[in-house]
């Protein structure tokens, strides 16, 4: 496990802590909340990047590539 030291704006800190309290989460759940938010943001940015890289593909070509990738993954032993 890695520890981060972060500087967060007071307004954001209050917003997150009020949200956590309102949803029944405890102070210790802040780390899990931040980790989930980071993972979500990385996924969102990755999807956006891939969409931009493939903007010139037709729907048919994109589906063909997706099907080929899926077949390759399924063919690989776990």
N, C-alpha and C. Protein backbone atom coordinates (compact mmCIF):
# COMPACT_ATOMS: atom_id res chain seq x y z
N UNK A 1 0.85 -1.18 0.00
CA UNK A 1 0.00 0.00 0.00
C UNK A 1 0.90 1.23 0.00
N UNK A 2 0.51 2.22 -0.78
CA UNK A 2 1.26 3.47 -0.89
C UNK A 2 0.49 4.59 -0.20
N UNK A 3 1.23 5.49 0.42
CA UNK A 3 0.59 6.65 1.06
C UNK A 3 0.82 7.87 0.18
N UNK A 4 -0.22 8.67 0.02
CA UNK A 4 -0.14 9.94 -0.71
C UNK A 4 -0.33 11.08 0.26
N UNK A 5 0.41 12.14 0.05
CA UNK A 5 0.16 13.39 0.76
C UNK A 5 -0.39 14.36 -0.28
N UNK A 6 -1.62 14.77 -0.09
CA UNK A 6 -2.30 15.61 -1.08
C UNK A 6 -2.71 16.94 -0.48
N UNK A 7 -2.72 17.94 -1.31
CA UNK A 7 -3.27 19.24 -0.92
C UNK A 7 -4.60 19.39 -1.64
N UNK A 8 -5.65 19.54 -0.87
CA UNK A 8 -7.01 19.64 -1.41
C UNK A 8 -7.60 20.95 -0.94
N UNK A 9 -8.29 21.63 -1.82
CA UNK A 9 -8.95 22.88 -1.45
C UNK A 9 -9.95 22.62 -0.32
N UNK A 10 -10.04 23.58 0.61
CA UNK A 10 -10.94 23.43 1.75
C UNK A 10 -12.38 23.15 1.30
N UNK A 11 -12.81 23.84 0.26
CA UNK A 11 -14.18 23.66 -0.23
C UNK A 11 -14.41 22.22 -0.70
N UNK A 12 -13.44 21.67 -1.43
CA UNK A 12 -13.55 20.29 -1.90
C UNK A 12 -13.53 19.32 -0.73
N UNK A 13 -12.68 19.57 0.24
CA UNK A 13 -12.61 18.71 1.42
C UNK A 13 -13.97 18.68 2.13
N UNK A 14 -14.56 19.84 2.35
CA UNK A 14 -15.87 19.88 3.01
C UNK A 14 -16.93 19.17 2.18
N UNK A 15 -16.91 19.40 0.87
CA UNK A 15 -17.88 18.78 -0.02
C UNK A 15 -17.81 17.26 0.07
N UNK A 16 -16.60 16.71 0.00
CA UNK A 16 -16.43 15.26 0.05
C UNK A 16 -16.80 14.71 1.41
N UNK A 17 -16.36 15.36 2.47
CA UNK A 17 -16.66 14.85 3.82
C UNK A 17 -18.15 14.92 4.12
N UNK A 18 -18.82 15.96 3.68
CA UNK A 18 -20.28 16.03 3.86
C UNK A 18 -20.96 14.93 3.07
N UNK A 19 -20.50 14.70 1.84
CA UNK A 19 -21.06 13.62 1.03
C UNK A 19 -20.87 12.28 1.73
N UNK A 20 -19.65 12.00 2.20
CA UNK A 20 -19.38 10.74 2.88
C UNK A 20 -20.27 10.57 4.11
N UNK A 21 -20.41 11.64 4.90
CA UNK A 21 -21.25 11.57 6.10
C UNK A 21 -22.71 11.36 5.73
N UNK A 22 -23.17 12.04 4.69
CA UNK A 22 -24.57 11.94 4.27
C UNK A 22 -24.90 10.54 3.77
N UNK A 23 -23.93 9.87 3.17
CA UNK A 23 -24.18 8.54 2.63
C UNK A 23 -23.82 7.44 3.63
N UNK A 24 -23.48 7.82 4.85
CA UNK A 24 -23.22 6.84 5.90
C UNK A 24 -21.80 6.31 5.94
N UNK A 25 -20.93 6.88 5.16
CA UNK A 25 -19.54 6.43 5.17
C UNK A 25 -18.79 7.15 6.28
N UNK A 26 -17.76 6.52 6.78
CA UNK A 26 -16.96 7.07 7.87
C UNK A 26 -15.71 7.75 7.33
N UNK A 27 -15.01 8.46 8.23
CA UNK A 27 -13.80 9.17 7.85
C UNK A 27 -12.79 8.22 7.20
N UNK A 28 -12.68 7.00 7.70
CA UNK A 28 -11.75 6.02 7.16
C UNK A 28 -12.08 5.61 5.73
N UNK A 29 -13.29 5.87 5.30
CA UNK A 29 -13.70 5.51 3.94
C UNK A 29 -13.22 6.52 2.91
N UNK A 30 -12.60 7.59 3.36
CA UNK A 30 -12.10 8.61 2.44
C UNK A 30 -11.08 8.03 1.46
N UNK A 31 -10.20 7.18 1.94
CA UNK A 31 -9.19 6.58 1.05
C UNK A 31 -9.84 5.75 -0.04
N UNK A 32 -10.83 4.96 0.32
CA UNK A 32 -11.52 4.13 -0.67
C UNK A 32 -12.25 5.02 -1.67
N UNK A 33 -12.85 6.11 -1.20
CA UNK A 33 -13.56 7.05 -2.07
C UNK A 33 -12.60 7.67 -3.08
N UNK A 34 -11.44 8.13 -2.60
CA UNK A 34 -10.45 8.76 -3.47
C UNK A 34 -9.91 7.74 -4.48
N UNK A 35 -9.65 6.52 -4.02
CA UNK A 35 -9.13 5.50 -4.94
C UNK A 35 -10.15 5.19 -6.04
N UNK A 36 -11.42 5.06 -5.66
CA UNK A 36 -12.46 4.80 -6.66
C UNK A 36 -12.58 5.97 -7.64
N UNK A 37 -12.49 7.19 -7.13
CA UNK A 37 -12.57 8.36 -8.00
C UNK A 37 -11.39 8.40 -8.97
N UNK A 38 -10.20 8.07 -8.49
CA UNK A 38 -9.02 8.06 -9.36
C UNK A 38 -9.16 7.00 -10.44
N UNK A 39 -9.59 5.81 -10.06
CA UNK A 39 -9.77 4.74 -11.04
C UNK A 39 -10.81 5.15 -12.10
N UNK A 40 -11.88 5.75 -11.65
CA UNK A 40 -12.92 6.20 -12.58
C UNK A 40 -12.41 7.25 -13.55
N UNK A 41 -11.61 8.18 -13.04
CA UNK A 41 -11.08 9.24 -13.89
C UNK A 41 -10.06 8.68 -14.89
N UNK A 42 -9.22 7.75 -14.46
CA UNK A 42 -8.27 7.12 -15.37
C UNK A 42 -9.02 6.39 -16.48
N UNK A 43 -10.06 5.66 -16.12
CA UNK A 43 -10.87 4.94 -17.12
C UNK A 43 -11.51 5.93 -18.09
N UNK A 44 -12.11 7.00 -17.57
CA UNK A 44 -12.76 8.00 -18.42
C UNK A 44 -11.78 8.61 -19.41
N UNK A 45 -10.60 8.97 -18.91
CA UNK A 45 -9.60 9.59 -19.79
C UNK A 45 -9.06 8.59 -20.81
N UNK A 46 -8.91 7.34 -20.42
CA UNK A 46 -8.44 6.31 -21.34
C UNK A 46 -9.45 6.10 -22.47
N UNK A 47 -10.72 6.03 -22.11
CA UNK A 47 -11.77 5.86 -23.12
C UNK A 47 -11.78 7.05 -24.07
N UNK A 48 -11.68 8.25 -23.54
CA UNK A 48 -11.66 9.46 -24.38
C UNK A 48 -10.48 9.43 -25.33
N UNK A 49 -9.32 9.04 -24.82
CA UNK A 49 -8.11 8.97 -25.65
C UNK A 49 -8.28 7.96 -26.78
N UNK A 50 -8.83 6.80 -26.46
CA UNK A 50 -9.04 5.77 -27.48
C UNK A 50 -10.07 6.23 -28.51
N UNK A 51 -11.13 6.89 -28.04
CA UNK A 51 -12.14 7.40 -28.97
C UNK A 51 -11.53 8.42 -29.93
N UNK A 52 -10.67 9.28 -29.41
CA UNK A 52 -10.02 10.29 -30.26
C UNK A 52 -9.09 9.63 -31.27
N UNK A 53 -8.35 8.60 -30.83
CA UNK A 53 -7.42 7.91 -31.72
C UNK A 53 -8.16 7.18 -32.84
N UNK A 54 -9.37 6.74 -32.56
CA UNK A 54 -10.12 5.94 -33.52
C UNK A 54 -11.28 6.69 -34.15
N UNK A 55 -11.26 7.99 -34.08
CA UNK A 55 -12.36 8.79 -34.60
C UNK A 55 -12.57 8.60 -36.10
N UNK A 56 -11.52 8.22 -36.81
CA UNK A 56 -11.63 8.07 -38.25
C UNK A 56 -12.12 6.68 -38.68
N UNK A 57 -12.32 5.76 -37.72
CA UNK A 57 -12.80 4.42 -38.06
C UNK A 57 -14.31 4.43 -38.29
N UNK A 58 -14.72 3.65 -39.25
CA UNK A 58 -16.16 3.47 -39.44
C UNK A 58 -16.67 2.55 -38.34
N UNK A 59 -17.97 2.53 -38.14
CA UNK A 59 -18.57 1.65 -37.14
C UNK A 59 -18.26 0.19 -37.46
N UNK A 60 -18.29 -0.15 -38.74
CA UNK A 60 -18.00 -1.52 -39.15
C UNK A 60 -16.55 -1.91 -38.84
N UNK A 61 -15.61 -1.02 -39.15
CA UNK A 61 -14.20 -1.29 -38.87
C UNK A 61 -13.95 -1.41 -37.37
N UNK A 62 -14.59 -0.54 -36.60
CA UNK A 62 -14.44 -0.59 -35.15
C UNK A 62 -14.98 -1.91 -34.60
N UNK A 63 -16.13 -2.35 -35.11
CA UNK A 63 -16.71 -3.61 -34.66
C UNK A 63 -15.81 -4.79 -35.05
N UNK A 64 -15.24 -4.73 -36.24
CA UNK A 64 -14.34 -5.79 -36.69
C UNK A 64 -13.13 -5.89 -35.77
N UNK A 65 -12.52 -4.74 -35.43
CA UNK A 65 -11.37 -4.75 -34.52
C UNK A 65 -11.75 -5.27 -33.14
N UNK A 66 -12.91 -4.86 -32.65
CA UNK A 66 -13.37 -5.32 -31.33
C UNK A 66 -13.59 -6.82 -31.34
N UNK A 67 -14.20 -7.34 -32.39
CA UNK A 67 -14.43 -8.79 -32.49
C UNK A 67 -13.12 -9.57 -32.58
N UNK A 68 -12.16 -9.03 -33.31
CA UNK A 68 -10.85 -9.68 -33.41
C UNK A 68 -10.15 -9.70 -32.05
N UNK A 69 -10.22 -8.60 -31.34
CA UNK A 69 -9.59 -8.54 -30.01
C UNK A 69 -10.27 -9.50 -29.05
N UNK A 70 -11.59 -9.55 -29.09
CA UNK A 70 -12.34 -10.46 -28.23
C UNK A 70 -11.98 -11.91 -28.54
N UNK A 71 -11.89 -12.26 -29.80
CA UNK A 71 -11.52 -13.62 -30.20
C UNK A 71 -10.11 -13.96 -29.71
N UNK A 72 -9.20 -13.02 -29.80
CA UNK A 72 -7.83 -13.26 -29.34
C UNK A 72 -7.79 -13.49 -27.83
N UNK A 73 -8.55 -12.72 -27.10
CA UNK A 73 -8.59 -12.88 -25.64
C UNK A 73 -9.21 -14.23 -25.27
N UNK A 74 -10.28 -14.58 -25.93
CA UNK A 74 -10.95 -15.86 -25.66
C UNK A 74 -10.05 -17.04 -26.01
N UNK A 75 -9.19 -16.89 -26.99
CA UNK A 75 -8.31 -17.97 -27.41
C UNK A 75 -7.10 -18.14 -26.48
N UNK A 76 -6.83 -17.15 -25.67
CA UNK A 76 -5.70 -17.19 -24.77
C UNK A 76 -6.10 -17.90 -23.48
N UNK A 77 -5.37 -18.96 -23.09
CA UNK A 77 -5.70 -19.66 -21.85
C UNK A 77 -5.54 -18.73 -20.64
N UNK A 78 -6.41 -18.89 -19.68
CA UNK A 78 -6.38 -18.03 -18.49
C UNK A 78 -5.26 -18.36 -17.56
